[in-house]
Amino acid sequence: MPFEYLDDVATSDVAFQAWGETVEELFVAAADAVMNVMVADLETIAPQQLRVITVAADDHEMLLFELLQELIFYKDAEQLLLRVNGVSISVAAQGLTLRADAAGEMLDPGRHDLGVDVKAVTMHRYKVEQNDRGWQAMVILDI
């Protein structure tokens, strides 16, 4: 998996790093990392319902932040667990726009081995950057 959880960063929250060769791959990996905090086996999330998520921001950091917050919103508002299958990012004069294709199903404690409930993405130590190996993010989740 293109993400890892970091035990020594946040004592009462969950921290992870995610990466990808492209920024789109990074976004998909980070979305899986958030969902994997809540559901132990991502393969148990059946692609029964489709959602197109569209968010906009001034930069890649805030664009990822908005995407992850949307996944948490769907879980809270609709009890819908979503996995992001693909991401496209376009550049416009006013900033960046992301379109994510996501699929998932209603949260079912009988089918899903639930972990902890993610409340929000925090800005503490939050970072998205491009390096010589591709793209990387550091994220801390409020649980």
Foldseek 3Di string as FASTA:
>chain_A
DQKDWDPPPDPQWTKMKGFDQELFRRLLRVLVVLLCQFFVDPVLFDQPDKDKDKDWDADSLVQSQVVNVVQLCCCVVVQWHKHWDTKDWDADPRHIMMITIIGGGHDDVVRTVTHDRFDGKDPVVWDWDADPRHIMTMTITRD
